[in-house]
Amino acid sequence: MGSERKSMVISDEDRKTTAYHEAGHTLVGKLLPGLDPIHKVTIIPRGMALGLTQTLPEKDSLSYSKHQAENWIAFAFGGRAAEELVFKDFTTGASNDIERATSMARKMVCEWGMSPLGPLAYEKSEGPVFQGMGYGNKSREYSESKAQEIDAEISRIINEGYKKAMDILVEKREALDRLSQALLEFETIDGNEVEMIVQGAA
């Protein structure tokens, strides 16, 4: 999970925001099928992150299904959705989550054929995130109108993933509160403790 930065001074407000952010990831990741189990959650700063939700695969997997990819995007947005739900505001803490979720959605559309646009490879993995924002003289083998369709499909997948995360957090708000309070009290909790908290046993 990276080296801890226990000497870093964090305000109570930032600790609470981070606790809800990580609790949001944790709850969405815990409740959606097809995702790797939650291994550990912490609000102790590590590297550039103020907190971290770590998952560990139960077995090696060489591919994603469309359903898993969609649920992973929702998991990535669990932190930002929790911030919006609880604080009616956003922080910069979700920037990496947004980047990774957008990359996943782009691959679904442009590389994996997991959209209504069909099983076509529109770009290689090193391409830009949104096709309508190509750089310089980058060559394309499709029209500007197709680029707009691609952008719209990526946006749809992102928005549906965000809504899925928010719907879970609204429905399970009490569990979200319990997880965040546990993180504020103990700073780090493991997968078994997450299970008990979500079930209301702790």
N, C-alpha and C. Protein backbone atom coordinates (compact mmCIF):
# COMPACT_ATOMS: atom_id res chain seq x y z
N MET A 1 0.81 -1.21 0.00
CA MET A 1 0.00 0.00 0.00
C MET A 1 0.85 1.26 0.00
N GLY A 2 2.17 1.13 -0.04
CA GLY A 2 3.03 2.31 -0.03
C GLY A 2 3.44 2.69 1.38
N SER A 3 4.45 3.52 1.50
CA SER A 3 4.96 3.91 2.81
C SER A 3 4.04 4.92 3.47
N GLU A 4 3.83 4.77 4.77
CA GLU A 4 2.97 5.66 5.53
C GLU A 4 3.65 7.00 5.77
N ARG A 5 2.82 8.06 5.86
CA ARG A 5 3.32 9.39 6.17
C ARG A 5 2.62 9.87 7.43
N LYS A 6 2.90 9.19 8.54
CA LYS A 6 2.20 9.48 9.80
C LYS A 6 2.54 10.87 10.34
N SER A 7 3.67 11.43 9.91
CA SER A 7 4.07 12.75 10.40
C SER A 7 3.29 13.87 9.72
N MET A 8 2.55 13.55 8.66
CA MET A 8 1.80 14.56 7.92
C MET A 8 0.64 15.08 8.77
N VAL A 9 0.55 16.38 8.91
CA VAL A 9 -0.51 17.00 9.70
C VAL A 9 -1.75 17.20 8.82
N ILE A 10 -2.87 16.61 9.23
CA ILE A 10 -4.11 16.69 8.46
C ILE A 10 -5.21 17.26 9.35
N SER A 11 -5.96 18.20 8.82
CA SER A 11 -7.04 18.82 9.59
C SER A 11 -8.16 17.82 9.83
N ASP A 12 -8.97 18.08 10.84
CA ASP A 12 -10.11 17.21 11.13
C ASP A 12 -11.07 17.17 9.95
N GLU A 13 -11.22 18.30 9.26
CA GLU A 13 -12.12 18.35 8.10
C GLU A 13 -11.61 17.45 6.98
N ASP A 14 -10.31 17.49 6.72
CA ASP A 14 -9.74 16.64 5.67
C ASP A 14 -9.80 15.17 6.06
N ARG A 15 -9.60 14.87 7.34
CA ARG A 15 -9.69 13.48 7.79
C ARG A 15 -11.11 12.93 7.57
N LYS A 16 -12.11 13.76 7.89
CA LYS A 16 -13.50 13.32 7.72
C LYS A 16 -13.83 13.12 6.25
N THR A 17 -13.37 14.05 5.41
CA THR A 17 -13.62 13.92 3.97
C THR A 17 -12.96 12.66 3.42
N THR A 18 -11.71 12.43 3.85
CA THR A 18 -10.99 11.24 3.39
C THR A 18 -11.67 9.97 3.87
N ALA A 19 -12.15 9.97 5.11
CA ALA A 19 -12.83 8.79 5.65
C ALA A 19 -14.07 8.46 4.84
N TYR A 20 -14.87 9.46 4.50
CA TYR A 20 -16.06 9.21 3.69
C TYR A 20 -15.70 8.81 2.27
N HIS A 21 -14.64 9.42 1.74
CA HIS A 21 -14.19 9.06 0.38
C HIS A 21 -13.82 7.58 0.31
N GLU A 22 -12.98 7.13 1.24
CA GLU A 22 -12.56 5.73 1.23
C GLU A 22 -13.70 4.80 1.60
N ALA A 23 -14.58 5.24 2.50
CA ALA A 23 -15.75 4.44 2.84
C ALA A 23 -16.66 4.27 1.63
N GLY A 24 -16.74 5.29 0.79
CA GLY A 24 -17.54 5.20 -0.43
C GLY A 24 -16.99 4.17 -1.39
N HIS A 25 -15.68 4.22 -1.62
CA HIS A 25 -15.05 3.17 -2.44
C HIS A 25 -15.35 1.79 -1.87
N THR A 26 -15.14 1.67 -0.57
CA THR A 26 -15.24 0.37 0.10
C THR A 26 -16.64 -0.21 -0.01
N LEU A 27 -17.65 0.62 0.26
CA LEU A 27 -19.02 0.12 0.25
C LEU A 27 -19.46 -0.28 -1.15
N VAL A 28 -19.16 0.54 -2.14
CA VAL A 28 -19.51 0.20 -3.52
C VAL A 28 -18.77 -1.06 -3.96
N GLY A 29 -17.47 -1.12 -3.65
CA GLY A 29 -16.68 -2.30 -4.01
C GLY A 29 -17.14 -3.56 -3.32
N LYS A 30 -17.65 -3.40 -2.10
CA LYS A 30 -18.11 -4.55 -1.33
C LYS A 30 -19.43 -5.10 -1.88
N LEU A 31 -20.30 -4.23 -2.35
CA LEU A 31 -21.65 -4.64 -2.69
C LEU A 31 -21.86 -5.00 -4.16
N LEU A 32 -20.95 -4.59 -5.04
CA LEU A 32 -21.11 -4.92 -6.45
C LEU A 32 -20.43 -6.25 -6.77
N PRO A 33 -21.06 -7.12 -7.55
CA PRO A 33 -20.48 -8.43 -7.88
C PRO A 33 -19.36 -8.31 -8.91
N GLY A 34 -18.48 -9.29 -8.90
CA GLY A 34 -17.44 -9.40 -9.92
C GLY A 34 -16.18 -8.61 -9.65
N LEU A 35 -16.11 -7.93 -8.51
CA LEU A 35 -14.94 -7.12 -8.17
C LEU A 35 -14.05 -7.86 -7.18
N ASP A 36 -12.77 -7.50 -7.14
CA ASP A 36 -11.85 -8.12 -6.19
C ASP A 36 -12.26 -7.75 -4.76
N PRO A 37 -12.11 -8.67 -3.81
CA PRO A 37 -12.49 -8.40 -2.42
C PRO A 37 -11.69 -7.25 -1.82
N ILE A 38 -12.34 -6.51 -0.92
CA ILE A 38 -11.67 -5.45 -0.17
C ILE A 38 -10.69 -6.11 0.81
N HIS A 39 -9.44 -5.71 0.75
CA HIS A 39 -8.41 -6.26 1.63
C HIS A 39 -8.15 -5.35 2.82
N LYS A 40 -7.97 -4.07 2.56
CA LYS A 40 -7.66 -3.14 3.64
C LYS A 40 -8.03 -1.73 3.21
N VAL A 41 -8.47 -0.93 4.19
CA VAL A 41 -8.83 0.46 3.94
C VAL A 41 -8.13 1.31 5.00
N THR A 42 -7.56 2.44 4.57
CA THR A 42 -6.84 3.28 5.52
C THR A 42 -7.03 4.75 5.18
N ILE A 43 -6.97 5.60 6.22
CA ILE A 43 -6.94 7.05 6.01
C ILE A 43 -5.60 7.60 6.48
N ILE A 44 -4.62 6.72 6.65
CA ILE A 44 -3.24 7.16 6.91
C ILE A 44 -2.63 7.53 5.56
N PRO A 45 -2.11 8.75 5.41
CA PRO A 45 -1.55 9.16 4.11
C PRO A 45 -0.42 8.24 3.67
N ARG A 46 -0.45 7.90 2.39
CA ARG A 46 0.60 7.06 1.80
C ARG A 46 0.95 7.65 0.45
N GLY A 47 2.21 7.97 0.25
CA GLY A 47 2.62 8.62 -0.99
C GLY A 47 1.90 9.95 -1.13
N MET A 48 1.26 10.15 -2.29
CA MET A 48 0.52 11.38 -2.53
C MET A 48 -0.94 11.28 -2.09
N ALA A 49 -1.37 10.09 -1.68
CA ALA A 49 -2.78 9.86 -1.34
C ALA A 49 -3.03 10.09 0.15
N LEU A 50 -4.18 10.70 0.47
CA LEU A 50 -4.56 10.89 1.87
C LEU A 50 -5.18 9.62 2.45
N GLY A 51 -5.62 8.73 1.60
CA GLY A 51 -6.19 7.46 2.03
C GLY A 51 -6.13 6.46 0.90
N LEU A 52 -6.50 5.22 1.20
CA LEU A 52 -6.39 4.17 0.18
C LEU A 52 -7.33 3.02 0.50
N THR A 53 -7.99 2.52 -0.54
CA THR A 53 -8.79 1.30 -0.44
C THR A 53 -8.10 0.25 -1.29
N GLN A 54 -7.63 -0.81 -0.65
CA GLN A 54 -6.86 -1.84 -1.34
C GLN A 54 -7.69 -3.10 -1.54
N THR A 55 -7.69 -3.59 -2.77
CA THR A 55 -8.35 -4.86 -3.07
C THR A 55 -7.29 -5.89 -3.44
N LEU A 56 -7.62 -7.16 -3.24
CA LEU A 56 -6.73 -8.25 -3.62
C LEU A 56 -7.53 -9.30 -4.37
N PRO A 57 -7.07 -9.71 -5.55
CA PRO A 57 -7.81 -10.72 -6.30
C PRO A 57 -7.74 -12.08 -5.62
N GLU A 58 -8.84 -12.82 -5.70
CA GLU A 58 -8.87 -14.17 -5.15
C GLU A 58 -8.19 -15.17 -6.09
N LYS A 59 -8.12 -14.81 -7.36
CA LYS A 59 -7.48 -15.68 -8.35
C LYS A 59 -6.98 -14.80 -9.49
N ASP A 60 -6.03 -15.32 -10.25
CA ASP A 60 -5.52 -14.60 -11.40
C ASP A 60 -6.60 -14.51 -12.48
N SER A 61 -6.72 -13.34 -13.07
CA SER A 61 -7.69 -13.14 -14.14
C SER A 61 -7.02 -12.39 -15.28
N LEU A 62 -7.20 -12.89 -16.48
CA LEU A 62 -6.56 -12.28 -17.65
C LEU A 62 -7.51 -11.43 -18.47
N SER A 63 -8.77 -11.35 -18.05
CA SER A 63 -9.72 -10.57 -18.83
C SER A 63 -10.84 -10.04 -17.94
N TYR A 64 -11.51 -9.01 -18.42
CA TYR A 64 -12.70 -8.43 -17.79
C TYR A 64 -13.92 -8.78 -18.61
N SER A 65 -15.05 -9.01 -17.96
CA SER A 65 -16.32 -9.04 -18.67
C SER A 65 -16.86 -7.61 -18.72
N LYS A 66 -17.82 -7.37 -19.59
CA LYS A 66 -18.45 -6.05 -19.68
C LYS A 66 -19.05 -5.67 -18.34
N HIS A 67 -19.71 -6.62 -17.69
CA HIS A 67 -20.35 -6.36 -16.40
C HIS A 67 -19.30 -5.99 -15.34
N GLN A 68 -18.18 -6.69 -15.32
CA GLN A 68 -17.12 -6.37 -14.36
C GLN A 68 -16.54 -4.99 -14.62
N ALA A 69 -16.33 -4.66 -15.89
CA ALA A 69 -15.77 -3.35 -16.23
C ALA A 69 -16.71 -2.23 -15.79
N GLU A 70 -18.00 -2.41 -16.02
CA GLU A 70 -18.98 -1.40 -15.60
C GLU A 70 -18.99 -1.25 -14.08
N ASN A 71 -18.93 -2.37 -13.36
CA ASN A 71 -18.91 -2.30 -11.90
C ASN A 71 -17.62 -1.71 -11.36
N TRP A 72 -16.52 -1.96 -12.05
CA TRP A 72 -15.25 -1.38 -11.62
C TRP A 72 -15.29 0.14 -11.74
N ILE A 73 -15.92 0.65 -12.79
CA ILE A 73 -16.05 2.10 -12.95
C ILE A 73 -16.87 2.68 -11.80
N ALA A 74 -17.95 2.00 -11.43
CA ALA A 74 -18.75 2.45 -10.28
C ALA A 74 -17.91 2.45 -9.01
N PHE A 75 -17.12 1.41 -8.81
CA PHE A 75 -16.21 1.34 -7.65
C PHE A 75 -15.25 2.52 -7.64
N ALA A 76 -14.70 2.85 -8.81
CA ALA A 76 -13.75 3.97 -8.90
C ALA A 76 -14.41 5.28 -8.50
N PHE A 77 -15.71 5.41 -8.76
CA PHE A 77 -16.41 6.65 -8.45
C PHE A 77 -17.04 6.65 -7.06
N GLY A 78 -16.88 5.57 -6.29
CA GLY A 78 -17.48 5.51 -4.97
C GLY A 78 -17.03 6.63 -4.05
N GLY A 79 -15.75 7.01 -4.14
CA GLY A 79 -15.23 8.07 -3.28
C GLY A 79 -15.82 9.43 -3.60
N ARG A 80 -15.82 9.78 -4.87
CA ARG A 80 -16.36 11.08 -5.27
C ARG A 80 -17.86 11.15 -5.00
N ALA A 81 -18.57 10.06 -5.26
CA ALA A 81 -20.01 10.04 -4.99
C ALA A 81 -20.29 10.24 -3.51
N ALA A 82 -19.47 9.65 -2.65
CA ALA A 82 -19.65 9.82 -1.20
C ALA A 82 -19.42 11.28 -0.80
N GLU A 83 -18.43 11.92 -1.39
CA GLU A 83 -18.17 13.33 -1.10
C GLU A 83 -19.39 14.17 -1.48
N GLU A 84 -19.94 13.92 -2.66
CA GLU A 84 -21.11 14.70 -3.10
C GLU A 84 -22.30 14.45 -2.19
N LEU A 85 -22.53 13.19 -1.84
CA LEU A 85 -23.68 12.83 -1.01
C LEU A 85 -23.60 13.46 0.37
N VAL A 86 -22.44 13.39 1.00
CA VAL A 86 -22.30 13.82 2.39
C VAL A 86 -22.03 15.31 2.51
N PHE A 87 -21.14 15.83 1.67
CA PHE A 87 -20.68 17.21 1.84
C PHE A 87 -21.24 18.17 0.78
N LYS A 88 -21.96 17.64 -0.21
CA LYS A 88 -22.49 18.47 -1.30
C LYS A 88 -21.38 19.25 -1.99
N ASP A 89 -20.21 18.64 -2.08
CA ASP A 89 -19.04 19.30 -2.66
C ASP A 89 -18.07 18.22 -3.13
N PHE A 90 -17.01 18.64 -3.85
CA PHE A 90 -16.00 17.72 -4.33
C PHE A 90 -14.62 18.21 -3.90
N THR A 91 -13.68 17.28 -3.77
CA THR A 91 -12.28 17.62 -3.56
C THR A 91 -11.46 17.11 -4.74
N THR A 92 -10.19 17.46 -4.74
CA THR A 92 -9.29 16.97 -5.79
C THR A 92 -8.88 15.53 -5.55
N GLY A 93 -9.33 14.93 -4.44
CA GLY A 93 -8.92 13.57 -4.09
C GLY A 93 -9.36 12.52 -5.09
N ALA A 94 -10.35 12.86 -5.93
CA ALA A 94 -10.87 11.87 -6.88
C ALA A 94 -10.21 11.97 -8.25
N SER A 95 -9.19 12.80 -8.40
CA SER A 95 -8.61 13.03 -9.73
C SER A 95 -8.08 11.75 -10.36
N ASN A 96 -7.37 10.94 -9.58
CA ASN A 96 -6.83 9.69 -10.12
C ASN A 96 -7.95 8.70 -10.41
N ASP A 97 -8.99 8.68 -9.57
CA ASP A 97 -10.14 7.81 -9.80
C ASP A 97 -10.82 8.16 -11.12
N ILE A 98 -10.99 9.45 -11.37
CA ILE A 98 -11.63 9.91 -12.60
C ILE A 98 -10.80 9.50 -13.81
N GLU A 99 -9.50 9.68 -13.71
CA GLU A 99 -8.61 9.33 -14.82
C GLU A 99 -8.69 7.84 -15.13
N ARG A 100 -8.65 7.01 -14.10
CA ARG A 100 -8.67 5.56 -14.30
C ARG A 100 -10.03 5.09 -14.83
N ALA A 101 -11.12 5.68 -14.31
CA ALA A 101 -12.45 5.30 -14.77
C ALA A 101 -12.64 5.69 -16.23
N THR A 102 -12.16 6.87 -16.60
CA THR A 102 -12.28 7.32 -17.98
C THR A 102 -11.46 6.43 -18.91
N SER A 103 -10.28 6.03 -18.45
CA SER A 103 -9.46 5.13 -19.25
C SER A 103 -10.15 3.79 -19.46
N MET A 104 -10.79 3.27 -18.41
CA MET A 104 -11.52 2.01 -18.53
C MET A 104 -12.68 2.14 -19.52
N ALA A 105 -13.45 3.23 -19.41
CA ALA A 105 -14.57 3.44 -20.32
C ALA A 105 -14.09 3.58 -21.76
N ARG A 106 -12.99 4.28 -21.96
CA ARG A 106 -12.43 4.44 -23.31
C ARG A 106 -12.04 3.10 -23.90
N LYS A 107 -11.42 2.25 -23.09
CA LYS A 107 -11.04 0.93 -23.58
C LYS A 107 -12.27 0.09 -23.91
N MET A 108 -13.31 0.21 -23.11
CA MET A 108 -14.53 -0.53 -23.40
C MET A 108 -15.08 -0.18 -24.78
N VAL A 109 -15.03 1.11 -25.11
CA VAL A 109 -15.59 1.58 -26.38
C VAL A 109 -14.64 1.36 -27.54
N CYS A 110 -13.37 1.73 -27.32
CA CYS A 110 -12.42 1.83 -28.45
C CYS A 110 -11.57 0.59 -28.69
N GLU A 111 -11.45 -0.29 -27.69
CA GLU A 111 -10.59 -1.44 -27.83
C GLU A 111 -11.31 -2.78 -27.65
N TRP A 112 -12.29 -2.81 -26.75
CA TRP A 112 -12.89 -4.08 -26.37
C TRP A 112 -14.26 -4.33 -27.00
N GLY A 113 -14.77 -3.37 -27.75
CA GLY A 113 -16.07 -3.55 -28.39
C GLY A 113 -17.22 -3.74 -27.44
N MET A 114 -17.16 -3.13 -26.25
CA MET A 114 -18.20 -3.30 -25.23
C MET A 114 -19.18 -2.13 -25.22
N SER A 115 -19.66 -1.73 -26.39
CA SER A 115 -20.63 -0.64 -26.47
C SER A 115 -21.50 -0.84 -27.69
N PRO A 116 -22.61 -0.07 -27.79
CA PRO A 116 -23.47 -0.19 -28.97
C PRO A 116 -22.77 0.18 -30.28
N LEU A 117 -21.59 0.78 -30.21
CA LEU A 117 -20.87 1.12 -31.43
C LEU A 117 -20.28 -0.12 -32.11
N GLY A 118 -20.32 -1.25 -31.41
CA GLY A 118 -19.95 -2.50 -32.04
C GLY A 118 -18.52 -2.96 -31.78
N PRO A 119 -18.20 -4.18 -32.20
CA PRO A 119 -16.88 -4.78 -31.96
C PRO A 119 -15.83 -4.28 -32.96
N LEU A 120 -15.52 -2.99 -32.85
CA LEU A 120 -14.53 -2.37 -33.71
C LEU A 120 -13.42 -1.77 -32.87
N ALA A 121 -12.18 -1.84 -33.34
CA ALA A 121 -11.04 -1.23 -32.65
C ALA A 121 -10.83 0.16 -33.22
N TYR A 122 -11.19 1.17 -32.44
CA TYR A 122 -11.08 2.54 -32.92
C TYR A 122 -9.72 3.17 -32.63
N GLU A 123 -8.99 2.62 -31.69
CA GLU A 123 -7.69 3.20 -31.35
C GLU A 123 -6.84 2.19 -30.61
N LYS A 124 -5.57 2.50 -30.48
CA LYS A 124 -4.67 1.72 -29.65
C LYS A 124 -4.65 2.31 -28.26
N SER A 125 -4.13 1.55 -27.29
CA SER A 125 -4.22 1.96 -25.90
C SER A 125 -3.48 3.24 -25.58
N GLU A 126 -2.52 3.64 -26.42
CA GLU A 126 -1.77 4.86 -26.12
C GLU A 126 -2.48 6.11 -26.61
N GLY A 127 -3.68 5.99 -27.18
CA GLY A 127 -4.39 7.14 -27.71
C GLY A 127 -4.92 8.05 -26.62
N PRO A 128 -5.46 9.22 -27.01
CA PRO A 128 -6.00 10.17 -26.03
C PRO A 128 -7.26 9.64 -25.39
N VAL A 129 -7.62 10.21 -24.24
CA VAL A 129 -8.79 9.73 -23.50
C VAL A 129 -10.06 9.96 -24.28
N PHE A 130 -10.29 11.18 -24.77
CA PHE A 130 -11.48 11.46 -25.55
C PHE A 130 -11.09 11.69 -27.01
N GLN A 131 -11.71 10.95 -27.90
CA GLN A 131 -11.32 11.01 -29.30
C GLN A 131 -11.53 12.38 -29.92
N GLY A 132 -12.52 13.11 -29.42
CA GLY A 132 -12.76 14.44 -29.95
C GLY A 132 -11.69 15.43 -29.55
N MET A 133 -10.73 15.00 -28.73
CA MET A 133 -9.67 15.87 -28.26
C MET A 133 -8.32 15.32 -28.71
N GLY A 134 -8.24 14.85 -29.95
CA GLY A 134 -7.00 14.30 -30.48
C GLY A 134 -5.90 15.35 -30.49
N TYR A 135 -4.68 14.92 -30.37
CA TYR A 135 -3.56 15.85 -30.29
C TYR A 135 -2.89 16.02 -31.65
N GLY A 136 -2.54 17.28 -31.98
CA GLY A 136 -1.73 17.56 -33.15
C GLY A 136 -2.32 16.97 -34.42
N ASN A 137 -1.48 16.27 -35.18
CA ASN A 137 -1.88 15.68 -36.45
C ASN A 137 -2.13 14.18 -36.33
N LYS A 138 -2.59 13.78 -35.15
CA LYS A 138 -2.86 12.36 -34.94
C LYS A 138 -3.83 11.85 -36.00
N SER A 139 -3.46 10.78 -36.68
CA SER A 139 -4.30 10.24 -37.75
C SER A 139 -5.42 9.40 -37.16
N ARG A 140 -6.57 9.46 -37.84
CA ARG A 140 -7.73 8.68 -37.43
C ARG A 140 -8.29 7.97 -38.64
N GLU A 141 -8.86 6.80 -38.38
CA GLU A 141 -9.44 6.03 -39.47
C GLU A 141 -10.96 6.10 -39.43
N TYR A 142 -11.49 7.16 -38.83
CA TYR A 142 -12.93 7.33 -38.78
C TYR A 142 -13.25 8.82 -38.82
N SER A 143 -14.50 9.14 -39.05
CA SER A 143 -14.93 10.52 -39.27
C SER A 143 -15.07 11.30 -37.97
N GLU A 144 -15.23 12.61 -38.12
CA GLU A 144 -15.47 13.46 -36.96
C GLU A 144 -16.79 13.10 -36.29
N SER A 145 -17.78 12.75 -37.07
CA SER A 145 -19.07 12.36 -36.48
C SER A 145 -18.93 11.08 -35.66
N LYS A 146 -18.10 10.14 -36.12
CA LYS A 146 -17.85 8.92 -35.35
C LYS A 146 -17.10 9.25 -34.06
N ALA A 147 -16.17 10.21 -34.14
CA ALA A 147 -15.45 10.64 -32.93
C ALA A 147 -16.43 11.18 -31.90
N GLN A 148 -17.44 11.92 -32.36
CA GLN A 148 -18.44 12.46 -31.44
C GLN A 148 -19.28 11.33 -30.83
N GLU A 149 -19.57 10.31 -31.62
CA GLU A 149 -20.30 9.15 -31.10
C GLU A 149 -19.48 8.45 -30.02
N ILE A 150 -18.19 8.32 -30.27
CA ILE A 150 -17.30 7.68 -29.31
C ILE A 150 -17.27 8.47 -28.00
N ASP A 151 -17.11 9.78 -28.12
CA ASP A 151 -17.10 10.63 -26.93
C ASP A 151 -18.40 10.49 -26.14
N ALA A 152 -19.52 10.49 -26.87
CA ALA A 152 -20.82 10.38 -26.21
C ALA A 152 -20.98 9.04 -25.51
N GLU A 153 -20.48 7.98 -26.10
CA GLU A 153 -20.59 6.65 -25.50
C GLU A 153 -19.72 6.54 -24.25
N ILE A 154 -18.52 7.10 -24.30
CA ILE A 154 -17.65 7.12 -23.12
C ILE A 154 -18.33 7.89 -21.99
N SER A 155 -18.91 9.04 -22.33
CA SER A 155 -19.60 9.84 -21.32
C SER A 155 -20.78 9.08 -20.72
N ARG A 156 -21.52 8.36 -21.56
CA ARG A 156 -22.66 7.59 -21.06
C ARG A 156 -22.22 6.53 -20.06
N ILE A 157 -21.16 5.80 -20.40
CA ILE A 157 -20.66 4.75 -19.50
C ILE A 157 -20.20 5.35 -18.17
N ILE A 158 -19.49 6.49 -18.25
CA ILE A 158 -19.03 7.16 -17.04
C ILE A 158 -20.20 7.61 -16.18
N ASN A 159 -21.17 8.25 -16.80
CA ASN A 159 -22.32 8.77 -16.04
C ASN A 159 -23.14 7.65 -15.42
N GLU A 160 -23.29 6.54 -16.14
CA GLU A 160 -24.04 5.41 -15.57
C GLU A 160 -23.28 4.78 -14.41
N GLY A 161 -21.94 4.71 -14.52
CA GLY A 161 -21.15 4.18 -13.42
C GLY A 161 -21.24 5.05 -12.18
N TYR A 162 -21.21 6.36 -12.39
CA TYR A 162 -21.31 7.30 -11.26
C TYR A 162 -22.68 7.17 -10.59
N LYS A 163 -23.73 7.09 -11.41
CA LYS A 163 -25.08 6.95 -10.85
C LYS A 163 -25.22 5.64 -10.08
N LYS A 164 -24.62 4.57 -10.59
CA LYS A 164 -24.68 3.29 -9.89
C LYS A 164 -24.04 3.41 -8.50
N ALA A 165 -22.89 4.06 -8.45
CA ALA A 165 -22.22 4.26 -7.16
C ALA A 165 -23.07 5.10 -6.22
N MET A 166 -23.63 6.20 -6.74
CA MET A 166 -24.45 7.08 -5.89
C MET A 166 -25.68 6.35 -5.39
N ASP A 167 -26.35 5.58 -6.23
CA ASP A 167 -27.55 4.86 -5.81
C ASP A 167 -27.26 3.91 -4.66
N ILE A 168 -26.12 3.23 -4.73
CA ILE A 168 -25.74 2.31 -3.64
C ILE A 168 -25.52 3.08 -2.35
N LEU A 169 -24.82 4.20 -2.42
CA LEU A 169 -24.49 4.96 -1.22
C LEU A 169 -25.74 5.60 -0.59
N VAL A 170 -26.66 6.04 -1.43
CA VAL A 170 -27.92 6.59 -0.90
C VAL A 170 -28.70 5.50 -0.18
N GLU A 171 -28.78 4.32 -0.79
CA GLU A 171 -29.53 3.21 -0.20
C GLU A 171 -28.86 2.70 1.08
N LYS A 172 -27.54 2.70 1.10
CA LYS A 172 -26.80 2.14 2.23
C LYS A 172 -26.11 3.24 3.05
N ARG A 173 -26.77 4.37 3.20
CA ARG A 173 -26.15 5.51 3.88
C ARG A 173 -25.70 5.18 5.30
N GLU A 174 -26.48 4.40 6.02
CA GLU A 174 -26.09 4.06 7.40
C GLU A 174 -24.79 3.27 7.41
N ALA A 175 -24.62 2.35 6.49
CA ALA A 175 -23.37 1.58 6.42
C ALA A 175 -22.21 2.49 6.04
N LEU A 176 -22.47 3.46 5.16
CA LEU A 176 -21.43 4.43 4.79
C LEU A 176 -20.98 5.22 6.02
N ASP A 177 -21.93 5.66 6.82
CA ASP A 177 -21.59 6.40 8.05
C ASP A 177 -20.80 5.53 9.02
N ARG A 178 -21.20 4.27 9.16
CA ARG A 178 -20.49 3.37 10.09
C ARG A 178 -19.05 3.14 9.63
N LEU A 179 -18.87 2.94 8.33
CA LEU A 179 -17.51 2.73 7.81
C LEU A 179 -16.64 3.95 8.03
N SER A 180 -17.18 5.12 7.76
CA SER A 180 -16.38 6.34 7.92
C SER A 180 -16.03 6.57 9.38
N GLN A 181 -16.97 6.31 10.28
CA GLN A 181 -16.67 6.48 11.70
C GLN A 181 -15.61 5.50 12.18
N ALA A 182 -15.66 4.27 11.68
CA ALA A 182 -14.63 3.29 12.03
C ALA A 182 -13.26 3.73 11.55
N LEU A 183 -13.20 4.30 10.35
CA LEU A 183 -11.93 4.79 9.83
C LEU A 183 -11.41 5.97 10.64
N LEU A 184 -12.29 6.85 11.05
CA LEU A 184 -11.87 7.98 11.87
C LEU A 184 -11.35 7.52 13.22
N GLU A 185 -11.93 6.43 13.75
CA GLU A 185 -11.52 5.94 15.07
C GLU A 185 -10.26 5.09 14.99
N PHE A 186 -10.18 4.20 14.01
CA PHE A 186 -9.08 3.22 13.97
C PHE A 186 -8.05 3.50 12.87
N GLU A 187 -8.39 4.34 11.92
CA GLU A 187 -7.54 4.75 10.80
C GLU A 187 -7.34 3.67 9.73
N THR A 188 -7.25 2.41 10.14
CA THR A 188 -7.09 1.31 9.19
C THR A 188 -7.99 0.15 9.61
N ILE A 189 -8.74 -0.40 8.64
CA ILE A 189 -9.57 -1.57 8.92
C ILE A 189 -9.35 -2.58 7.80
N ASP A 190 -9.50 -3.86 8.13
CA ASP A 190 -9.26 -4.91 7.13
C ASP A 190 -10.58 -5.44 6.57
N GLY A 191 -10.47 -6.37 5.65
CA GLY A 191 -11.64 -6.88 4.95
C GLY A 191 -12.68 -7.52 5.87
N ASN A 192 -12.22 -8.26 6.88
CA ASN A 192 -13.15 -8.89 7.83
C ASN A 192 -13.90 -7.84 8.64
N GLU A 193 -13.19 -6.80 9.05
CA GLU A 193 -13.84 -5.72 9.79
C GLU A 193 -14.83 -4.96 8.91
N VAL A 194 -14.48 -4.78 7.65
CA VAL A 194 -15.40 -4.14 6.71
C VAL A 194 -16.70 -4.95 6.63
N GLU A 195 -16.57 -6.26 6.53
CA GLU A 195 -17.74 -7.14 6.45
C GLU A 195 -18.64 -6.95 7.66
N MET A 196 -18.05 -6.94 8.86
CA MET A 196 -18.85 -6.77 10.09
C MET A 196 -19.52 -5.41 10.14
N ILE A 197 -18.80 -4.38 9.75
CA ILE A 197 -19.36 -3.01 9.80
C ILE A 197 -20.51 -2.87 8.81
N VAL A 198 -20.33 -3.37 7.60
CA VAL A 198 -21.39 -3.27 6.59
C VAL A 198 -22.64 -4.03 7.04
N GLN A 199 -22.43 -5.18 7.70
CA GLN A 199 -23.55 -5.98 8.19
C GLN A 199 -24.17 -5.42 9.45
N GLY A 200 -23.52 -4.41 10.03
CA GLY A 200 -24.05 -3.78 11.25
C GLY A 200 -23.69 -4.50 12.52
N ALA A 201 -22.67 -5.37 12.45
CA ALA A 201 -22.29 -6.15 13.62
C ALA A 201 -21.21 -5.47 14.45
N ALA A 202 -20.74 -4.32 14.01
CA ALA A 202 -19.69 -3.62 14.75
C ALA A 202 -19.94 -2.13 14.71
